[in-house]
Amino acid sequence: MKKLLAAFVMVVAASTVAMAGAWDSNGCSGCHNGGLAKSKEQLKAEIKSVEEFVKKAKETSNPMMQSAVQGLGANADKVLREAAKEVLGK
């Protein structure tokens, strides 16, 4: 019974993480709250395309954002594109 319960908990946890998009699972929403950095809504109003979103994220002069992009490593473009699609609704 304990093994069954443990397996169930693992499946639920894994599916919860899988449902979280790039915006939440990579911590974007932690800083982009309208106080520390522009909110999701502010970004959506300013940025019109996925390409523009990725370019601005990668070319920022903000040291915190530079660090965040570098922290994504080789997956930076993929994660930024996923986050852009979530923000822009595309």
C-alpha atoms as a PDB file:
ATOM      1  CA  MET A   1       0.000   0.000   0.000  1.00  0.00           C
ATOM      2  CA  LYS A   2       2.839   2.399   0.815  1.00  0.00           C
ATOM      3  CA  LYS A   3       4.448   1.712  -2.559  1.00  0.00           C
ATOM      4  CA  LEU A   4       1.167   2.391  -4.327  1.00  0.00           C
ATOM      5  CA  LEU A   5       0.705   5.657  -2.448  1.00  0.00           C
ATOM      6  CA  ALA A   6       4.294   6.701  -3.178  1.00  0.00           C
ATOM      7  CA  ALA A   7       3.816   5.943  -6.878  1.00  0.00           C
ATOM      8  CA  PHE A   8       0.591   7.955  -6.935  1.00  0.00           C
ATOM      9  CA  VAL A   9       2.257  10.952  -5.281  1.00  0.00           C
ATOM     10  CA  MET A  10       5.114  10.825  -7.795  1.00  0.00           C
ATOM     11  CA  VAL A  11       2.712  10.736 -10.742  1.00  0.00           C
ATOM     12  CA  VAL A  12       0.725  13.686  -9.394  1.00  0.00           C
ATOM     13  CA  ALA A  13       3.899  15.681  -8.716  1.00  0.00           C
ATOM     14  CA  ALA A  14       5.300  14.948 -12.167  1.00  0.00           C
ATOM     15  CA  SER A  15       2.078  15.922 -13.903  1.00  0.00           C
ATOM     16  CA  THR A  16       1.874  19.162 -11.915  1.00  0.00           C
ATOM     17  CA  VAL A  17       5.376  20.134 -13.001  1.00  0.00           C
ATOM     18  CA  ALA A  18       4.561  19.176 -16.582  1.00  0.00           C
ATOM     19  CA  MET A  19       1.527  21.481 -16.552  1.00  0.00           C
ATOM     20  CA  ALA A  20       3.583  24.472 -15.442  1.00  0.00           C
ATOM     21  CA  GLY A  21       4.730  26.462 -18.420  1.00  0.00           C
ATOM     22  CA  ALA A  22       8.131  27.982 -19.057  1.00  0.00           C
ATOM     23  CA  TRP A  23       6.991  31.292 -17.555  1.00  0.00           C
ATOM     24  CA  ASP A  24       6.315  29.773 -14.128  1.00  0.00           C
ATOM     25  CA  SER A  25       8.659  26.792 -14.037  1.00  0.00           C
ATOM     26  CA  ASN A  26      11.730  28.850 -14.953  1.00  0.00           C
ATOM     27  CA  GLY A  27      11.020  31.590 -12.432  1.00  0.00           C
ATOM     28  CA  CYS A  28      10.090  34.355 -14.869  1.00  0.00           C
ATOM     29  CA  SER A  29       6.967  35.231 -12.904  1.00  0.00           C
ATOM     30  CA  GLY A  30       9.007  35.634  -9.714  1.00  0.00           C
ATOM     31  CA  CYS A  31      10.684  38.820 -10.955  1.00  0.00           C
ATOM     32  CA  HIS A  32       8.234  39.889 -13.663  1.00  0.00           C
ATOM     33  CA  ASN A  33       5.546  40.943 -11.220  1.00  0.00           C
ATOM     34  CA  GLY A  34       5.209  44.614 -12.116  1.00  0.00           C
ATOM     35  CA  GLY A  35       7.360  45.700  -9.178  1.00  0.00           C
ATOM     36  CA  LEU A  36      10.815  44.267  -9.691  1.00  0.00           C
ATOM     37  CA  ALA A  37      10.441  43.869 -13.461  1.00  0.00           C
ATOM     38  CA  LYS A  38       7.699  44.433 -16.019  1.00  0.00           C
ATOM     39  CA  SER A  39       4.680  42.211 -15.503  1.00  0.00           C
ATOM     40  CA  LYS A  40       3.431  39.636 -17.972  1.00  0.00           C
ATOM     41  CA  GLU A  41       0.685  42.061 -19.010  1.00  0.00           C
ATOM     42  CA  GLN A  42       3.151  44.929 -19.514  1.00  0.00           C
ATOM     43  CA  LEU A  43       5.396  42.726 -21.642  1.00  0.00           C
ATOM     44  CA  LYS A  44       2.419  41.578 -23.708  1.00  0.00           C
ATOM     45  CA  ALA A  45       1.441  45.198 -24.378  1.00  0.00           C
ATOM     46  CA  GLU A  46       4.969  46.154 -25.481  1.00  0.00           C
ATOM     47  CA  ILE A  47       6.227  43.103 -27.342  1.00  0.00           C
ATOM     48  CA  LYS A  48       4.481  41.919 -30.483  1.00  0.00           C
ATOM     49  CA  SER A  49       6.360  38.792 -31.576  1.00  0.00           C
ATOM     50  CA  VAL A  50       8.176  35.762 -30.193  1.00  0.00           C
ATOM     51  CA  GLU A  51      11.337  36.829 -32.020  1.00  0.00           C
ATOM     52  CA  GLU A  52      11.219  40.317 -30.475  1.00  0.00           C
ATOM     53  CA  PHE A  53      10.677  38.797 -27.005  1.00  0.00           C
ATOM     54  CA  VAL A  54      13.702  36.490 -27.342  1.00  0.00           C
ATOM     55  CA  LYS A  55      15.885  39.261 -28.766  1.00  0.00           C
ATOM     56  CA  LYS A  56      15.017  41.706 -25.975  1.00  0.00           C
ATOM     57  CA  ALA A  57      15.588  39.070 -23.305  1.00  0.00           C
ATOM     58  CA  LYS A  58      18.987  38.138 -24.707  1.00  0.00           C
ATOM     59  CA  GLU A  59      20.137  41.726 -25.401  1.00  0.00           C
ATOM     60  CA  THR A  60      19.044  43.270 -22.110  1.00  0.00           C
ATOM     61  CA  SER A  61      21.433  45.422 -20.120  1.00  0.00           C
ATOM     62  CA  ASN A  62      19.777  44.383 -16.848  1.00  0.00           C
ATOM     63  CA  PRO A  63      22.302  42.259 -14.916  1.00  0.00           C
ATOM     64  CA  MET A  64      19.600  40.158 -13.233  1.00  0.00           C
ATOM     65  CA  MET A  65      18.034  39.262 -16.564  1.00  0.00           C
ATOM     66  CA  GLN A  66      21.444  38.616 -18.118  1.00  0.00           C
ATOM     67  CA  SER A  67      22.162  36.194 -15.283  1.00  0.00           C
ATOM     68  CA  ALA A  68      18.784  34.506 -15.726  1.00  0.00           C
ATOM     69  CA  VAL A  69      19.337  34.008 -19.458  1.00  0.00           C
ATOM     70  CA  GLN A  70      22.860  32.691 -18.863  1.00  0.00           C
ATOM     71  CA  GLY A  71      21.441  30.323 -16.251  1.00  0.00           C
ATOM     72  CA  LEU A  72      19.268  28.724 -18.923  1.00  0.00           C
ATOM     73  CA  GLY A  73      22.443  27.649 -20.722  1.00  0.00           C
ATOM     74  CA  ALA A  74      22.067  25.862 -24.040  1.00  0.00           C
ATOM     75  CA  ASN A  75      18.276  25.793 -23.571  1.00  0.00           C
ATOM     76  CA  ALA A  76      17.972  29.596 -23.458  1.00  0.00           C
ATOM     77  CA  ASP A  77      16.423  30.045 -26.908  1.00  0.00           C
ATOM     78  CA  LYS A  78      13.966  27.196 -26.418  1.00  0.00           C
ATOM     79  CA  VAL A  79      12.861  28.346 -22.949  1.00  0.00           C
ATOM     80  CA  LEU A  80      12.602  31.996 -23.992  1.00  0.00           C
ATOM     81  CA  ARG A  81      10.490  31.020 -27.010  1.00  0.00           C
ATOM     82  CA  GLU A  82       8.175  28.947 -24.798  1.00  0.00           C
ATOM     83  CA  ALA A  83       7.860  31.804 -22.309  1.00  0.00           C
ATOM     84  CA  ALA A  84       7.190  34.258 -25.149  1.00  0.00           C
ATOM     85  CA  LYS A  85       4.402  32.069 -26.500  1.00  0.00           C
ATOM     86  CA  GLU A  86       2.819  31.968 -23.038  1.00  0.00           C
ATOM     87  CA  VAL A  87       3.090  35.731 -22.561  1.00  0.00           C
ATOM     88  CA  LEU A  88       1.905  36.616 -26.045  1.00  0.00           C
ATOM     89  CA  GLY A  89      -0.752  33.911 -26.201  1.00  0.00           C
ATOM     90  CA  LYS A  90       0.656  32.389 -29.382  1.00  0.00           C
END
